[in-house]
C-alpha atoms as a PDB file:
ATOM      1  CA  MET A   1      14.246  10.291  30.843  1.00  0.00           C
ATOM      2  CA  LYS A   2      14.576  11.440  27.226  1.00  0.00           C
ATOM      3  CA  ARG A   3      13.840   8.699  24.684  1.00  0.00           C
ATOM      4  CA  ASP A   4      14.665   8.339  20.991  1.00  0.00           C
ATOM      5  CA  TRP A   5      11.049   7.980  19.896  1.00  0.00           C
ATOM      6  CA  GLU A   6      11.830   7.957  16.189  1.00  0.00           C
ATOM      7  CA  GLU A   7      14.129   4.970  16.573  1.00  0.00           C
ATOM      8  CA  LEU A   8      11.826   3.208  18.991  1.00  0.00           C
ATOM      9  CA  THR A   9       8.659   3.590  16.902  1.00  0.00           C
ATOM     10  CA  ALA A  10      10.524   2.536  13.766  1.00  0.00           C
ATOM     11  CA  THR A  11      11.591  -0.735  15.374  1.00  0.00           C
ATOM     12  CA  SER A  12       8.767  -1.879  17.660  1.00  0.00           C
ATOM     13  CA  TYR A  13       5.237  -0.678  18.257  1.00  0.00           C
ATOM     14  CA  HIS A  14       5.000  -2.914  21.328  1.00  0.00           C
ATOM     15  CA  ASP A  15       8.145  -1.465  22.889  1.00  0.00           C
ATOM     16  CA  SER A  16       6.950   2.028  21.994  1.00  0.00           C
ATOM     17  CA  VAL A  17       3.641   1.564  23.778  1.00  0.00           C
ATOM     18  CA  THR A  18       5.435   0.077  26.768  1.00  0.00           C
ATOM     19  CA  GLU A  19       7.728   3.128  26.951  1.00  0.00           C
ATOM     20  CA  ILE A  20       4.798   5.516  26.542  1.00  0.00           C
ATOM     21  CA  LYS A  21       2.990   3.736  29.371  1.00  0.00           C
ATOM     22  CA  GLU A  22       6.082   3.986  31.567  1.00  0.00           C
ATOM     23  CA  ALA A  23       6.462   7.689  30.777  1.00  0.00           C
ATOM     24  CA  PHE A  24       2.795   8.214  31.636  1.00  0.00           C
ATOM     25  CA  GLU A  25       3.145   6.379  34.936  1.00  0.00           C
ATOM     26  CA  ASN A  26       6.177   8.587  35.717  1.00  0.00           C
ATOM     27  CA  GLN A  27       4.142  11.667  34.765  1.00  0.00           C
ATOM     28  CA  GLU A  28       6.584  12.539  31.973  1.00  0.00           C
ATOM     29  CA  PHE A  29       3.829  14.060  29.862  1.00  0.00           C
ATOM     30  CA  GLU A  30       6.113  15.723  27.333  1.00  0.00           C
ATOM     31  CA  GLU A  31       7.636  12.300  26.658  1.00  0.00           C
ATOM     32  CA  VAL A  32       4.159  10.774  26.389  1.00  0.00           C
ATOM     33  CA  SER A  33       3.170  13.387  23.846  1.00  0.00           C
ATOM     34  CA  ALA A  34       6.393  12.966  21.858  1.00  0.00           C
ATOM     35  CA  GLY A  35       6.023   9.177  21.927  1.00  0.00           C
ATOM     36  CA  LEU A  36       2.405   9.240  20.786  1.00  0.00           C
ATOM     37  CA  ASN A  37       3.175  11.678  17.970  1.00  0.00           C
ATOM     38  CA  SER A  38       6.071   9.564  16.772  1.00  0.00           C
ATOM     39  CA  LEU A  39       4.011   6.381  16.998  1.00  0.00           C
ATOM     40  CA  LEU A  40       1.166   7.915  14.983  1.00  0.00           C
ATOM     41  CA  GLU A  41       3.583   9.140  12.325  1.00  0.00           C
ATOM     42  CA  SER A  42       5.252   5.749  12.081  1.00  0.00           C
ATOM     43  CA  MET A  43       1.907   3.971  11.755  1.00  0.00           C
ATOM     44  CA  SER A  44       0.837   6.451   9.081  1.00  0.00           C
ATOM     45  CA  GLN A  45       3.974   5.799   7.082  1.00  0.00           C
ATOM     46  CA  GLU A  46       3.403   2.073   7.395  1.00  0.00           C
ATOM     47  CA  LEU A  47      -0.095   2.415   5.932  1.00  0.00           C
ATOM     48  CA  ARG A  48       1.272   4.487   3.045  1.00  0.00           C
ATOM     49  CA  ARG A  49       3.889   1.807   2.333  1.00  0.00           C
ATOM     50  CA  ALA A  50       1.241  -0.913   2.496  1.00  0.00           C
ATOM     51  CA  LEU A  51      -1.012   0.983   0.107  1.00  0.00           C
ATOM     52  CA  LYS A  52       1.848   1.541  -2.327  1.00  0.00           C
ATOM     53  CA  SER A  53       2.817  -2.125  -2.159  1.00  0.00           C
ATOM     54  CA  GLN A  54      -0.719  -3.292  -2.872  1.00  0.00           C
ATOM     55  CA  LEU A  55      -1.197  -0.720  -5.637  1.00  0.00           C
ATOM     56  CA  LEU A  56       2.015  -1.843  -7.316  1.00  0.00           C
ATOM     57  CA  ARG A  57       0.903  -5.483  -7.148  1.00  0.00           C
ATOM     58  CA  LEU A  58      -2.510  -4.555  -8.510  1.00  0.00           C
ATOM     59  CA  MET A  59      -1.131  -2.482 -11.371  1.00  0.00           C
ATOM     60  CA  MET A  60       1.356  -5.190 -12.307  1.00  0.00           C
ATOM     61  CA  HIS A  61      -1.402  -7.786 -12.559  1.00  0.00           C
ATOM     62  CA  VAL A  62      -3.586  -5.459 -14.624  1.00  0.00           C
ATOM     63  CA  VAL A  63      -0.670  -4.833 -16.986  1.00  0.00           C
ATOM     64  CA  LYS A  64      -0.002  -8.573 -17.242  1.00  0.00           C
ATOM     65  CA  TRP A  65      -3.707  -9.190 -17.902  1.00  0.00           C
ATOM     66  CA  LYS A  66      -3.570  -6.734 -20.796  1.00  0.00           C
ATOM     67  CA  ILE A  67      -0.299  -7.900 -22.389  1.00  0.00           C
ATOM     68  CA  GLN A  68      -0.572 -11.653 -21.911  1.00  0.00           C
ATOM     69  CA  PRO A  69      -4.143 -12.832 -22.551  1.00  0.00           C
ATOM     70  CA  ASP A  70      -2.952 -16.413 -23.024  1.00  0.00           C
ATOM     71  CA  GLY A  71      -1.367 -16.408 -19.561  1.00  0.00           C
ATOM     72  CA  ARG A  72      -4.388 -15.257 -17.596  1.00  0.00           C
ATOM     73  CA  SER A  73      -5.092 -17.352 -14.547  1.00  0.00           C
ATOM     74  CA  SER A  74      -7.335 -17.526 -11.529  1.00  0.00           C
ATOM     75  CA  GLY A  75      -4.246 -16.556  -9.516  1.00  0.00           C
ATOM     76  CA  TRP A  76      -4.029 -13.245 -11.374  1.00  0.00           C
ATOM     77  CA  GLU A  77      -7.756 -12.734 -10.908  1.00  0.00           C
ATOM     78  CA  LEU A  78      -7.414 -13.439  -7.185  1.00  0.00           C
ATOM     79  CA  SER A  79      -4.469 -11.035  -6.865  1.00  0.00           C
ATOM     80  CA  ILE A  80      -6.505  -8.252  -8.482  1.00  0.00           C
ATOM     81  CA  VAL A  81      -9.537  -8.872  -6.259  1.00  0.00           C
ATOM     82  CA  ASN A  82      -7.380  -9.166  -3.131  1.00  0.00           C
ATOM     83  CA  ALA A  83      -5.287  -6.046  -3.803  1.00  0.00           C
ATOM     84  CA  ARG A  84      -8.423  -3.994  -4.486  1.00  0.00           C
ATOM     85  CA  PHE A  85      -9.923  -5.173  -1.199  1.00  0.00           C
ATOM     86  CA  LEU A  86      -6.772  -4.410   0.808  1.00  0.00           C
ATOM     87  CA  ILE A  87      -6.402  -0.960  -0.763  1.00  0.00           C
ATOM     88  CA  ARG A  88     -10.016  -0.111   0.108  1.00  0.00           C
ATOM     89  CA  GLU A  89      -9.375  -1.295   3.680  1.00  0.00           C
ATOM     90  CA  ILE A  90      -6.278   0.905   3.977  1.00  0.00           C
ATOM     91  CA  MET A  91      -8.143   3.888   2.541  1.00  0.00           C
ATOM     92  CA  GLU A  92     -10.930   3.389   5.094  1.00  0.00           C
ATOM     93  CA  GLU A  93      -8.423   3.124   7.929  1.00  0.00           C
ATOM     94  CA  LYS A  94      -6.505   6.186   6.740  1.00  0.00           C
ATOM     95  CA  PRO A  95      -9.035   8.556   5.087  1.00  0.00           C
ATOM     96  CA  SER A  96      -6.292  11.012   4.083  1.00  0.00           C
ATOM     97  CA  LEU A  97      -5.109   8.416   1.549  1.00  0.00           C
ATOM     98  CA  THR A  98      -7.625   9.523  -1.058  1.00  0.00           C
ATOM     99  CA  ARG A  99      -7.891   8.874  -4.758  1.00  0.00           C
ATOM    100  CA  GLU A 100      -6.344  12.297  -5.353  1.00  0.00           C
ATOM    101  CA  VAL A 101      -3.346  11.488  -3.147  1.00  0.00           C
ATOM    102  CA  ILE A 102      -2.893   8.140  -4.871  1.00  0.00           C
ATOM    103  CA  GLU A 103      -3.074   9.643  -8.343  1.00  0.00           C
ATOM    104  CA  ASP A 104      -0.926  12.687  -7.526  1.00  0.00           C
ATOM    105  CA  GLN A 105       1.761  11.106  -5.371  1.00  0.00           C
ATOM    106  CA  PHE A 106       2.049   7.411  -6.263  1.00  0.00           C
ATOM    107  CA  TRP A 107       0.425   6.600  -9.576  1.00  0.00           C
ATOM    108  CA  ASP A 108       3.058   7.385 -12.211  1.00  0.00           C
ATOM    109  CA  LYS A 109       6.038   5.975 -10.306  1.00  0.00           C
ATOM    110  CA  LEU A 110       4.186   2.784  -9.407  1.00  0.00           C
ATOM    111  CA  PHE A 111       2.887   2.369 -12.954  1.00  0.00           C
ATOM    112  CA  GLU A 112       6.436   2.531 -14.324  1.00  0.00           C
ATOM    113  CA  GLN A 113       7.567  -0.063 -11.778  1.00  0.00           C
ATOM    114  CA  ALA A 114       4.524  -2.243 -12.527  1.00  0.00           C
ATOM    115  CA  LYS A 115       5.448  -2.279 -16.215  1.00  0.00           C
ATOM    116  CA  LYS A 116       9.000  -3.377 -15.357  1.00  0.00           C
ATOM    117  CA  GLU A 117       7.754  -6.130 -13.089  1.00  0.00           C
ATOM    118  CA  ALA A 118       5.199  -7.298 -15.650  1.00  0.00           C
ATOM    119  CA  TRP A 119       7.962  -7.532 -18.246  1.00  0.00           C
ATOM    120  CA  VAL A 120      10.164  -9.513 -15.857  1.00  0.00           C
ATOM    121  CA  GLU A 121       7.361 -12.008 -15.221  1.00  0.00           C
ATOM    122  CA  THR A 122       6.107 -12.331 -18.795  1.00  0.00           C
ATOM    123  CA  ARG A 123       9.076 -11.328 -20.961  1.00  0.00           C
ATOM    124  CA  ARG A 124       6.538  -9.583 -23.167  1.00  0.00           C
ATOM    125  CA  LYS A 125       6.900  -6.048 -24.432  1.00  0.00           C
ATOM    126  CA  VAL A 126       4.814  -3.611 -22.408  1.00  0.00           C
ATOM    127  CA  SER A 127       3.525  -0.976 -24.786  1.00  0.00           C
ATOM    128  CA  ILE A 128       0.810   0.315 -22.477  1.00  0.00           C
ATOM    129  CA  GLU A 129       1.208   4.066 -22.086  1.00  0.00           C
ATOM    130  CA  LYS A 130      -1.101   4.543 -19.119  1.00  0.00           C
ATOM    131  CA  LEU A 131      -3.529   2.929 -16.751  1.00  0.00           C
ATOM    132  CA  THR A 132      -6.644   4.789 -15.687  1.00  0.00           C
ATOM    133  CA  TRP A 133      -8.337   4.586 -12.314  1.00  0.00           C
ATOM    134  CA  GLU A 134     -11.093   2.644 -14.057  1.00  0.00           C
ATOM    135  CA  ASP A 135      -8.559   0.151 -15.479  1.00  0.00           C
ATOM    136  CA  VAL A 136      -7.111  -0.469 -12.056  1.00  0.00           C
ATOM    137  CA  PHE A 137     -10.108  -0.273  -9.737  1.00  0.00           C
ATOM    138  CA  GLU A 138     -13.301  -0.759 -11.720  1.00  0.00           C
ATOM    139  CA  THR A 139     -12.779  -2.989 -14.754  1.00  0.00           C
ATOM    140  CA  GLU A 140     -13.750  -6.612 -14.130  1.00  0.00           C
ATOM    141  CA  TYR A 141     -10.907  -9.032 -14.833  1.00  0.00           C
ATOM    142  CA  THR A 142     -12.481 -12.461 -14.816  1.00  0.00           C
ATOM    143  CA  LEU A 143     -11.896 -15.720 -16.584  1.00  0.00           C
ATOM    144  CA  GLY A 144     -15.572 -16.517 -16.736  1.00  0.00           C
ATOM    145  CA  GLU A 145     -18.573 -16.170 -14.518  1.00  0.00           C
ATOM    146  CA  THR A 146     -18.715 -13.390 -11.965  1.00  0.00           C
ATOM    147  CA  ALA A 147     -19.705 -13.824  -8.342  1.00  0.00           C
END
């Protein structure tokens, strides 16, 4: 039985695995292969989306930290720490999502969006022209003592 793996893997990993198992049990090995390939691709795309989402959140908080010193809060600090952690986790899980990929494929677009979102939250002019890797991933943004 021919399955629409792209549709299936886009809607439910559980249902996809169930269908792959059924195809395997029926010795439909071409279907198994197609299902596994589609599932892997879908999971890869999901990790890319998650990384981009966390990077956008991280960049937005860094921009806010820079443009609104009087608004800094432990919530912003926590968001920065948390996003950095989650991005590292995604990069470990998907080693092809390297610093080079992030900088080449996502950085500029996400930085522009981060500036827009920072403006929406703060209503302060964002005159920052760029964020460096160090700004985003290495600079300590703390309100006081460090852990």
